[in-house]
Amino acid sequence: MSPEDTARLAGLLHAARQEARLADLPADARLPATPEEAYQVQAEIVRLSGEDIRGWKVTALKEEDRAAYGGTRPVAGPLLSGWVFPSPAEVPLSRFIAPLLECEFAFLLGRDLPPRETPYTLEEITDAVAALIPAFEIADGRVPPDAPGALRLADSMGNGAFIPGTPITDWRALDRAGPVTLFIDGTKIETGSGARILGDPLKAVQHLANAQPLFAPLLAGQIVTTGTATTPVRLERAGRAEADFGAVGADVFVTK
């Protein structure tokens, strides 16, 4: 993609997010075909938004999933500051198109993880993580779910909003594979497990650190959210969502 193509697509995706609608992509629009091209679009969207990168959502953790994004490594989308709502929060549904609720284990980085030739070990990642956070992601794309993977990656990997709970600094001995239970308005909706993410969601942070470069570095103070531990649930009406992560804690927010 040329710089002009990148800027054009980024402008369309950014406007669609602000207006809570699908992007109107012209027939002649040049689309990304690789993660590198998608990351160029992400970078331009961040510039247009004027927002800070609060963290990253990682996907394509399994090798068989990576070809869909045009590459051979895990990929990630940015969590922008204007779409992060610390729990407890009120989140207006009017900001989304077709929101899906996901319960996720997230990790707060306590130190930078710069790109390097030698892969990071899980022990190094453990030392770099300052806290474990029970979290919700509201997934929401400005392109159709069946759009090419690199286009979905360019669209912030379908991030709608992120609702982090209370960080836990004494986290290393906690069970990250235990049950995660989602309640909406007091009714149990789903039960899942952190074991769905490579057996241990911390491994997703390791995979991301070893999949660099992104379009921006992994920095201390940023959050890495590791993928849903529960089956995504469509948010169709206002209500109260609560997730019980066992020893890791709980998260809660209200849609209006």
Protein backbone atom coordinates (compact mmCIF):
# COMPACT_ATOMS: atom_id res chain seq x y z
CA MET A 1 0.00 0.00 0.00
CA SER A 2 1.18 3.50 -0.78
CA PRO A 3 1.20 6.17 1.96
CA GLU A 4 -1.84 7.69 0.25
CA ASP A 5 -3.71 4.35 0.31
CA THR A 6 -2.82 3.88 3.98
CA ALA A 7 -4.00 7.35 4.94
CA ARG A 8 -7.24 6.95 2.98
CA LEU A 9 -8.16 3.63 4.60
CA ALA A 10 -7.19 4.84 8.06
CA GLY A 11 -9.41 7.88 7.67
CA LEU A 12 -12.38 5.74 6.65
CA LEU A 13 -11.91 3.31 9.55
CA HIS A 14 -11.36 6.09 12.08
CA ALA A 15 -14.49 7.97 10.98
CA ALA A 16 -16.54 4.77 11.11
CA ARG A 17 -15.47 4.11 14.68
CA GLN A 18 -16.32 7.61 15.78
CA GLU A 19 -19.75 7.33 14.17
CA ALA A 20 -20.46 3.71 15.26
CA ARG A 21 -21.05 2.35 11.76
CA LEU A 22 -19.46 0.07 9.23
CA ALA A 23 -16.83 1.76 7.09
CA ASP A 24 -17.95 2.70 3.59
CA LEU A 25 -15.03 1.34 1.59
CA PRO A 26 -14.98 2.40 -2.08
CA ALA A 27 -14.59 -0.32 -4.69
CA ASP A 28 -11.17 1.06 -5.63
CA ALA A 29 -9.86 1.17 -2.05
CA ARG A 30 -6.49 -0.54 -1.66
CA LEU A 31 -6.59 -2.94 1.28
CA PRO A 32 -3.76 -4.37 3.35
CA ALA A 33 -2.55 -7.84 2.48
CA THR A 34 0.05 -8.36 5.22
CA PRO A 35 0.38 -7.56 8.93
CA GLU A 36 3.00 -4.96 8.09
CA GLU A 37 0.55 -3.06 5.87
CA ALA A 38 -2.18 -3.43 8.48
CA TYR A 39 0.12 -2.00 11.15
CA GLN A 40 0.79 1.03 8.96
CA VAL A 41 -2.97 1.67 8.90
CA GLN A 42 -3.18 1.19 12.68
CA ALA A 43 -0.43 3.75 13.18
CA GLU A 44 -2.27 6.30 11.06
CA ILE A 45 -5.53 5.66 12.96
CA VAL A 46 -3.72 6.33 16.24
CA ARG A 47 -2.33 9.56 14.80
CA LEU A 48 -5.78 10.66 13.63
CA SER A 49 -7.35 9.84 16.99
CA GLY A 50 -4.84 11.80 19.04
CA GLU A 51 -5.22 9.12 21.71
CA ASP A 52 -2.63 7.18 23.68
CA ILE A 53 -1.95 3.48 23.28
CA ARG A 54 -3.07 1.96 26.57
CA GLY A 55 -2.27 -1.58 25.54
CA TRP A 56 -2.67 -4.35 22.99
CA LYS A 57 -5.04 -7.19 22.17
CA VAL A 58 -3.26 -10.23 20.77
CA THR A 59 -4.64 -12.92 18.47
CA ALA A 60 -3.50 -15.61 16.02
CA LEU A 61 -1.66 -17.31 18.86
CA LYS A 62 -1.88 -20.69 17.13
CA GLU A 63 0.16 -21.27 14.01
CA GLU A 64 -2.82 -22.49 12.00
CA ASP A 65 -4.63 -19.18 12.54
CA ARG A 66 -1.89 -16.87 11.24
CA ALA A 67 -2.29 -17.33 7.50
CA ALA A 68 -5.68 -15.59 7.71
CA TYR A 69 -3.84 -12.36 8.52
CA GLY A 70 -1.30 -12.73 5.75
CA GLY A 71 1.64 -13.56 7.99
CA THR A 72 3.38 -16.21 10.05
CA ARG A 73 3.28 -14.76 13.57
CA PRO A 74 0.77 -13.61 16.17
CA VAL A 75 -0.72 -10.17 15.58
CA ALA A 76 -2.16 -7.42 17.77
CA GLY A 77 -4.38 -4.37 17.74
CA PRO A 78 -4.02 -1.28 19.94
CA LEU A 79 -6.25 -0.40 22.88
CA LEU A 80 -6.76 3.35 22.58
CA SER A 81 -7.22 5.53 25.64
CA GLY A 82 -10.60 6.91 24.55
CA TRP A 83 -12.03 3.38 24.51
CA VAL A 84 -10.71 2.15 27.87
CA PHE A 85 -13.21 2.35 30.74
CA PRO A 86 -11.77 1.27 34.12
CA SER A 87 -14.22 -0.77 36.18
CA PRO A 88 -16.74 0.01 37.55
CA ALA A 89 -17.86 1.85 34.45
CA GLU A 90 -20.89 2.91 32.49
CA VAL A 91 -20.44 2.19 28.79
CA PRO A 92 -22.97 3.52 26.25
CA LEU A 93 -24.06 0.89 23.73
CA SER A 94 -24.62 3.68 21.24
CA ARG A 95 -20.84 3.76 20.67
CA PHE A 96 -20.88 0.30 19.07
CA ILE A 97 -22.22 -1.47 16.00
CA ALA A 98 -22.59 -5.15 16.93
CA PRO A 99 -20.79 -5.51 20.27
CA LEU A 100 -19.61 -8.86 21.60
CA LEU A 101 -18.68 -9.28 25.26
CA GLU A 102 -15.55 -11.25 26.13
CA CYS A 103 -14.00 -12.09 29.53
CA GLU A 104 -10.21 -11.87 29.39
CA PHE A 105 -7.07 -12.24 31.47
CA ALA A 106 -4.91 -9.16 30.94
CA PHE A 107 -1.40 -8.36 32.09
CA LEU A 108 0.10 -4.99 33.04
CA LEU A 109 3.69 -4.60 31.90
CA GLY A 110 6.14 -3.39 34.52
CA ARG A 111 8.98 -2.96 32.07
CA ASP A 112 9.51 -2.45 28.36
CA LEU A 113 9.71 -5.50 26.09
CA PRO A 114 11.71 -4.27 23.08
CA PRO A 115 12.07 -6.35 19.92
CA ARG A 116 15.14 -8.57 19.95
CA GLU A 117 16.62 -11.50 18.07
CA THR A 118 16.67 -13.87 21.05
CA PRO A 119 13.13 -15.03 21.93
CA TYR A 120 11.79 -14.05 25.33
CA THR A 121 11.40 -16.94 27.74
CA LEU A 122 8.28 -17.34 29.86
CA GLU A 123 10.38 -16.61 32.93
CA GLU A 124 11.47 -13.27 31.46
CA ILE A 125 7.86 -12.41 30.67
CA THR A 126 6.85 -13.30 34.24
CA ASP A 127 9.51 -10.94 35.57
CA ALA A 128 8.31 -8.18 33.23
CA VAL A 129 4.64 -8.36 34.29
CA ALA A 130 3.67 -6.04 37.13
CA ALA A 131 0.07 -7.20 37.61
CA LEU A 132 -2.68 -9.51 36.43
CA ILE A 133 -6.02 -7.88 35.60
CA PRO A 134 -9.48 -9.43 35.22
CA ALA A 135 -10.99 -7.65 32.25
CA PHE A 136 -13.76 -7.36 29.71
CA GLU A 137 -13.24 -6.62 26.07
CA ILE A 138 -16.12 -5.42 23.95
CA ALA A 139 -15.25 -6.60 20.48
CA ASP A 140 -16.72 -4.55 17.64
CA GLY A 141 -15.52 -4.17 14.08
CA ARG A 142 -15.96 -1.42 11.53
CA VAL A 143 -15.67 -4.02 8.78
CA PRO A 144 -17.76 -7.21 8.38
CA PRO A 145 -16.71 -10.30 10.37
CA ASP A 146 -15.90 -12.10 7.11
CA ALA A 147 -13.61 -9.32 5.85
CA PRO A 148 -10.03 -10.33 5.01
CA GLY A 149 -7.91 -10.86 8.09
CA ALA A 150 -5.41 -8.11 7.32
CA LEU A 151 -8.27 -5.62 6.99
CA ARG A 152 -9.70 -6.69 10.35
CA LEU A 153 -6.22 -6.32 11.82
CA ALA A 154 -5.96 -2.81 10.40
CA ASP A 155 -9.27 -2.02 12.11
CA SER A 156 -7.62 -2.29 15.54
CA MET A 157 -8.25 -6.06 15.43
CA GLY A 158 -11.93 -5.46 16.11
CA ASN A 159 -11.51 -3.72 19.45
CA GLY A 160 -14.58 -1.83 20.57
CA ALA A 161 -13.77 -1.08 24.20
CA PHE A 162 -11.76 -2.45 27.09
CA ILE A 163 -12.87 -2.53 30.74
CA PRO A 164 -10.02 -3.45 33.11
CA GLY A 165 -10.74 -4.52 36.67
CA THR A 166 -8.49 -4.17 39.71
CA PRO A 167 -4.83 -5.08 39.05
CA ILE A 168 -3.39 -7.80 41.29
CA THR A 169 0.33 -7.43 41.90
CA ASP A 170 0.77 -10.68 43.86
CA TRP A 171 -0.41 -12.79 40.94
CA ARG A 172 2.18 -15.42 40.14
CA ALA A 173 0.70 -18.23 42.25
CA LEU A 174 -2.89 -17.57 41.24
CA ASP A 175 -4.83 -20.07 39.13
CA ARG A 176 -5.07 -18.67 35.61
CA ALA A 177 -6.72 -21.80 34.23
CA GLY A 178 -9.65 -21.88 36.62
CA PRO A 179 -13.27 -21.18 35.72
CA VAL A 180 -14.41 -17.74 34.59
CA THR A 181 -18.13 -17.12 34.98
CA LEU A 182 -20.06 -14.37 33.23
CA PHE A 183 -23.28 -12.99 34.69
CA ILE A 184 -25.59 -10.45 33.05
CA ASP A 185 -28.18 -8.86 35.30
CA GLY A 186 -27.48 -11.59 37.84
CA THR A 187 -28.09 -14.50 35.45
CA LYS A 188 -25.24 -16.89 34.67
CA ILE A 189 -24.59 -16.70 30.94
CA GLU A 190 -21.27 -18.42 30.27
CA THR A 191 -18.50 -20.33 32.04
CA GLY A 192 -15.07 -20.50 30.50
CA SER A 193 -11.42 -20.90 31.42
CA GLY A 194 -8.07 -19.22 30.99
CA ALA A 195 -6.79 -22.60 29.84
CA ARG A 196 -8.41 -21.81 26.48
CA ILE A 197 -5.49 -19.46 25.85
CA LEU A 198 -2.55 -21.82 25.22
CA GLY A 199 -3.14 -23.52 28.57
CA ASP A 200 -2.01 -20.34 30.36
CA PRO A 201 -2.87 -16.81 29.17
CA LEU A 202 0.55 -15.55 30.25
CA LYS A 203 1.94 -17.42 27.23
CA ALA A 204 0.01 -15.01 24.99
CA VAL A 205 2.17 -12.15 26.31
CA GLN A 206 5.27 -14.18 25.50
CA HIS A 207 3.98 -14.89 22.00
CA LEU A 208 3.29 -11.20 21.40
CA ALA A 209 6.70 -10.11 22.69
CA ASN A 210 8.30 -12.56 20.28
CA ALA A 211 6.09 -11.46 17.37
CA GLN A 212 7.46 -7.93 17.20
CA PRO A 213 7.86 -5.48 15.63
CA LEU A 214 4.37 -4.02 15.83
CA PHE A 215 3.85 -0.43 14.70
CA ALA A 216 4.81 0.78 18.19
CA PRO A 217 6.79 -0.76 21.07
CA LEU A 218 5.54 -2.76 24.05
CA LEU A 219 6.09 -0.40 26.97
CA ALA A 220 5.89 -0.46 30.74
CA GLY A 221 2.44 0.66 31.84
CA GLN A 222 0.70 -0.89 28.86
CA ILE A 223 -1.77 -3.77 29.15
CA VAL A 224 -1.73 -6.92 27.06
CA THR A 225 -5.11 -8.64 26.89
CA THR A 226 -4.90 -12.23 25.83
CA GLY A 227 -8.16 -13.34 24.21
CA THR A 228 -11.50 -14.47 25.47
CA ALA A 229 -11.80 -17.12 28.16
CA THR A 230 -15.55 -17.37 27.51
CA THR A 231 -17.68 -17.73 24.41
CA PRO A 232 -18.40 -14.20 23.13
CA VAL A 233 -21.88 -12.94 24.00
CA ARG A 234 -23.84 -10.40 21.96
CA LEU A 235 -24.71 -7.24 23.88
CA GLU A 236 -28.20 -6.35 22.73
CA ARG A 237 -29.59 -4.23 25.55
CA ALA A 238 -28.55 -2.19 28.55
CA GLY A 239 -27.65 -4.12 31.67
CA ARG A 240 -25.04 -5.03 34.27
CA ALA A 241 -22.23 -7.42 33.36
CA GLU A 242 -20.13 -9.16 35.99
CA ALA A 243 -17.34 -11.69 35.55
CA ASP A 244 -16.02 -13.90 38.34
CA PHE A 245 -12.39 -14.88 37.72
CA GLY A 246 -12.07 -16.85 40.95
CA ALA A 247 -8.90 -16.01 42.87
CA VAL A 248 -8.00 -13.43 40.22
CA GLY A 249 -10.97 -11.30 41.23
CA ALA A 250 -13.94 -9.87 39.40
CA ASP A 251 -14.84 -7.22 36.86
CA VAL A 252 -18.07 -5.31 36.39
CA PHE A 253 -19.58 -2.65 34.16
CA VAL A 254 -22.98 -1.36 33.17
CA THR A 255 -24.18 -0.68 29.64
CA LYS A 256 -26.71 2.07 29.08
